[in-house]
Amino acid sequence: MEFTFVIYLVILVAAFFFLIVLPQRRRMAAHQALMASLVVGDAVVTSGGVHGTIRGLDERTAEVEIAPGVVVTIARGAIAAKLDVRTDNGEAR
């Protein structure tokens, strides 16, 4: 009886690890890689859904131009994704 309880507990812990912990670690690693790859001029979208272009970066913040002449300062971690912006001739920048 006690042995089956231990087996169930081990299965539960393993399932928790593979279904919750590993995917979360992968998401965190991907977000950290994104933060490290940001450069001035990148088109980005924030976690709040605001689209803009990076105009300045430091360790904790980013200055993002959201409209011509409108630059906001946001937390660097609030950048959710880098966008693939196409130029007029069809090339990605």
C-alpha atoms as a PDB file:
ATOM      1  CA  MET A   1       0.000   0.000   0.000  1.00  0.00           C
ATOM      2  CA  GLU A   2       2.698   2.482   0.983  1.00  0.00           C
ATOM      3  CA  PHE A   3       4.811   1.527  -2.025  1.00  0.00           C
ATOM      4  CA  THR A   4       2.034   2.395  -4.484  1.00  0.00           C
ATOM      5  CA  PHE A   5       1.589   5.758  -2.755  1.00  0.00           C
ATOM      6  CA  VAL A   6       5.298   6.496  -3.294  1.00  0.00           C
ATOM      7  CA  ILE A   7       5.004   5.464  -6.959  1.00  0.00           C
ATOM      8  CA  TYR A   8       2.009   7.776  -7.453  1.00  0.00           C
ATOM      9  CA  LEU A   9       3.843  10.609  -5.727  1.00  0.00           C
ATOM     10  CA  VAL A  10       6.914  10.150  -7.948  1.00  0.00           C
ATOM     11  CA  ILE A  11       4.711  10.110 -11.060  1.00  0.00           C
ATOM     12  CA  LEU A  12       2.928  13.269  -9.901  1.00  0.00           C
ATOM     13  CA  VAL A  13       6.197  15.103  -9.234  1.00  0.00           C
ATOM     14  CA  ALA A  14       7.626  14.020 -12.601  1.00  0.00           C
ATOM     15  CA  ALA A  15       4.476  15.133 -14.432  1.00  0.00           C
ATOM     16  CA  PHE A  16       4.560  18.501 -12.646  1.00  0.00           C
ATOM     17  CA  PHE A  17       8.202  18.952 -13.629  1.00  0.00           C
ATOM     18  CA  PHE A  18       7.743  18.038 -17.290  1.00  0.00           C
ATOM     19  CA  LEU A  19       4.428  19.838 -17.802  1.00  0.00           C
ATOM     20  CA  ILE A  20       5.032  23.014 -15.794  1.00  0.00           C
ATOM     21  CA  VAL A  21       8.666  23.624 -14.833  1.00  0.00           C
ATOM     22  CA  LEU A  22      10.454  22.781 -18.100  1.00  0.00           C
ATOM     23  CA  PRO A  23       8.189  24.853 -20.390  1.00  0.00           C
ATOM     24  CA  GLN A  24       8.478  27.818 -18.005  1.00  0.00           C
ATOM     25  CA  ARG A  25      12.282  27.557 -18.037  1.00  0.00           C
ATOM     26  CA  ARG A  26      12.247  27.481 -21.855  1.00  0.00           C
ATOM     27  CA  ARG A  27      10.042  30.603 -21.985  1.00  0.00           C
ATOM     28  CA  MET A  28      12.344  32.412 -19.560  1.00  0.00           C
ATOM     29  CA  ALA A  29      15.438  31.466 -21.565  1.00  0.00           C
ATOM     30  CA  ALA A  30      13.797  32.627 -24.809  1.00  0.00           C
ATOM     31  CA  HIS A  31      12.801  35.959 -23.225  1.00  0.00           C
ATOM     32  CA  GLN A  32      16.319  36.482 -21.861  1.00  0.00           C
ATOM     33  CA  ALA A  33      17.744  35.769 -25.323  1.00  0.00           C
ATOM     34  CA  LEU A  34      15.312  38.319 -26.780  1.00  0.00           C
ATOM     35  CA  MET A  35      16.397  40.945 -24.231  1.00  0.00           C
ATOM     36  CA  ALA A  36      20.052  40.321 -25.056  1.00  0.00           C
ATOM     37  CA  SER A  37      19.461  40.622 -28.810  1.00  0.00           C
ATOM     38  CA  LEU A  38      17.684  43.995 -28.748  1.00  0.00           C
ATOM     39  CA  VAL A  39      19.376  46.870 -30.560  1.00  0.00           C
ATOM     40  CA  VAL A  40      18.419  50.436 -31.367  1.00  0.00           C
ATOM     41  CA  GLY A  41      16.154  50.493 -34.429  1.00  0.00           C
ATOM     42  CA  ASP A  42      14.380  47.195 -33.741  1.00  0.00           C
ATOM     43  CA  ALA A  43      10.608  47.188 -34.149  1.00  0.00           C
ATOM     44  CA  VAL A  44       9.049  45.714 -31.015  1.00  0.00           C
ATOM     45  CA  VAL A  45       5.724  45.066 -29.322  1.00  0.00           C
ATOM     46  CA  THR A  46       5.336  45.428 -25.567  1.00  0.00           C
ATOM     47  CA  SER A  47       3.497  43.068 -23.268  1.00  0.00           C
ATOM     48  CA  GLY A  48       0.692  45.648 -23.250  1.00  0.00           C
ATOM     49  CA  GLY A  49       0.371  45.452 -27.037  1.00  0.00           C
ATOM     50  CA  VAL A  50       2.000  48.786 -27.895  1.00  0.00           C
ATOM     51  CA  HIS A  51       4.028  48.700 -31.117  1.00  0.00           C
ATOM     52  CA  GLY A  52       7.071  50.896 -31.575  1.00  0.00           C
ATOM     53  CA  THR A  53      10.716  51.253 -32.512  1.00  0.00           C
ATOM     54  CA  ILE A  54      13.574  51.205 -30.026  1.00  0.00           C
ATOM     55  CA  ARG A  55      15.345  54.582 -29.887  1.00  0.00           C
ATOM     56  CA  GLY A  56      17.502  53.987 -26.823  1.00  0.00           C
ATOM     57  CA  LEU A  57      18.515  51.149 -24.493  1.00  0.00           C
ATOM     58  CA  ASP A  58      20.139  50.780 -21.124  1.00  0.00           C
ATOM     59  CA  GLU A  59      20.264  47.904 -18.626  1.00  0.00           C
ATOM     60  CA  ARG A  60      16.771  48.336 -17.215  1.00  0.00           C
ATOM     61  CA  THR A  61      14.825  50.561 -19.584  1.00  0.00           C
ATOM     62  CA  ALA A  62      14.174  51.114 -23.262  1.00  0.00           C
ATOM     63  CA  GLU A  63      13.070  54.255 -25.024  1.00  0.00           C
ATOM     64  CA  VAL A  64      10.453  53.273 -27.588  1.00  0.00           C
ATOM     65  CA  GLU A  65       9.070  55.601 -30.256  1.00  0.00           C
ATOM     66  CA  ILE A  66       5.373  54.766 -30.551  1.00  0.00           C
ATOM     67  CA  ALA A  67       4.462  57.579 -32.974  1.00  0.00           C
ATOM     68  CA  PRO A  68       6.540  60.130 -34.875  1.00  0.00           C
ATOM     69  CA  GLY A  69       8.161  62.270 -32.187  1.00  0.00           C
ATOM     70  CA  VAL A  70       6.521  60.394 -29.268  1.00  0.00           C
ATOM     71  CA  VAL A  71       9.087  58.457 -27.236  1.00  0.00           C
ATOM     72  CA  VAL A  72       8.138  56.596 -24.064  1.00  0.00           C
ATOM     73  CA  THR A  73      10.431  54.982 -21.527  1.00  0.00           C
ATOM     74  CA  ILE A  74       9.451  51.424 -20.589  1.00  0.00           C
ATOM     75  CA  ALA A  75      10.957  48.620 -18.560  1.00  0.00           C
ATOM     76  CA  ARG A  76      13.150  46.526 -20.819  1.00  0.00           C
ATOM     77  CA  GLY A  77      11.437  43.347 -19.573  1.00  0.00           C
ATOM     78  CA  ALA A  78       8.078  44.675 -20.823  1.00  0.00           C
ATOM     79  CA  ILE A  79       9.149  44.071 -24.412  1.00  0.00           C
ATOM     80  CA  ALA A  80       7.305  40.932 -25.461  1.00  0.00           C
ATOM     81  CA  ALA A  81       8.566  40.393 -29.017  1.00  0.00           C
ATOM     82  CA  LYS A  82      10.745  41.737 -31.762  1.00  0.00           C
ATOM     83  CA  LEU A  83       8.849  42.301 -35.005  1.00  0.00           C
ATOM     84  CA  ASP A  84      10.008  41.408 -38.505  1.00  0.00           C
ATOM     85  CA  VAL A  85       9.488  44.700 -40.319  1.00  0.00           C
ATOM     86  CA  ARG A  86       9.641  44.724 -44.123  1.00  0.00           C
ATOM     87  CA  THR A  87      11.076  47.712 -45.963  1.00  0.00           C
ATOM     88  CA  ASP A  88       9.605  49.159 -49.159  1.00  0.00           C
ATOM     89  CA  ASN A  89      11.722  46.836 -51.318  1.00  0.00           C
ATOM     90  CA  GLY A  90      10.552  43.723 -49.411  1.00  0.00           C
ATOM     91  CA  GLU A  91      13.733  43.104 -47.421  1.00  0.00           C
ATOM     92  CA  ALA A  92      13.503  42.391 -43.707  1.00  0.00           C
ATOM     93  CA  ARG A  93      15.339  44.782 -41.456  1.00  0.00           C
END
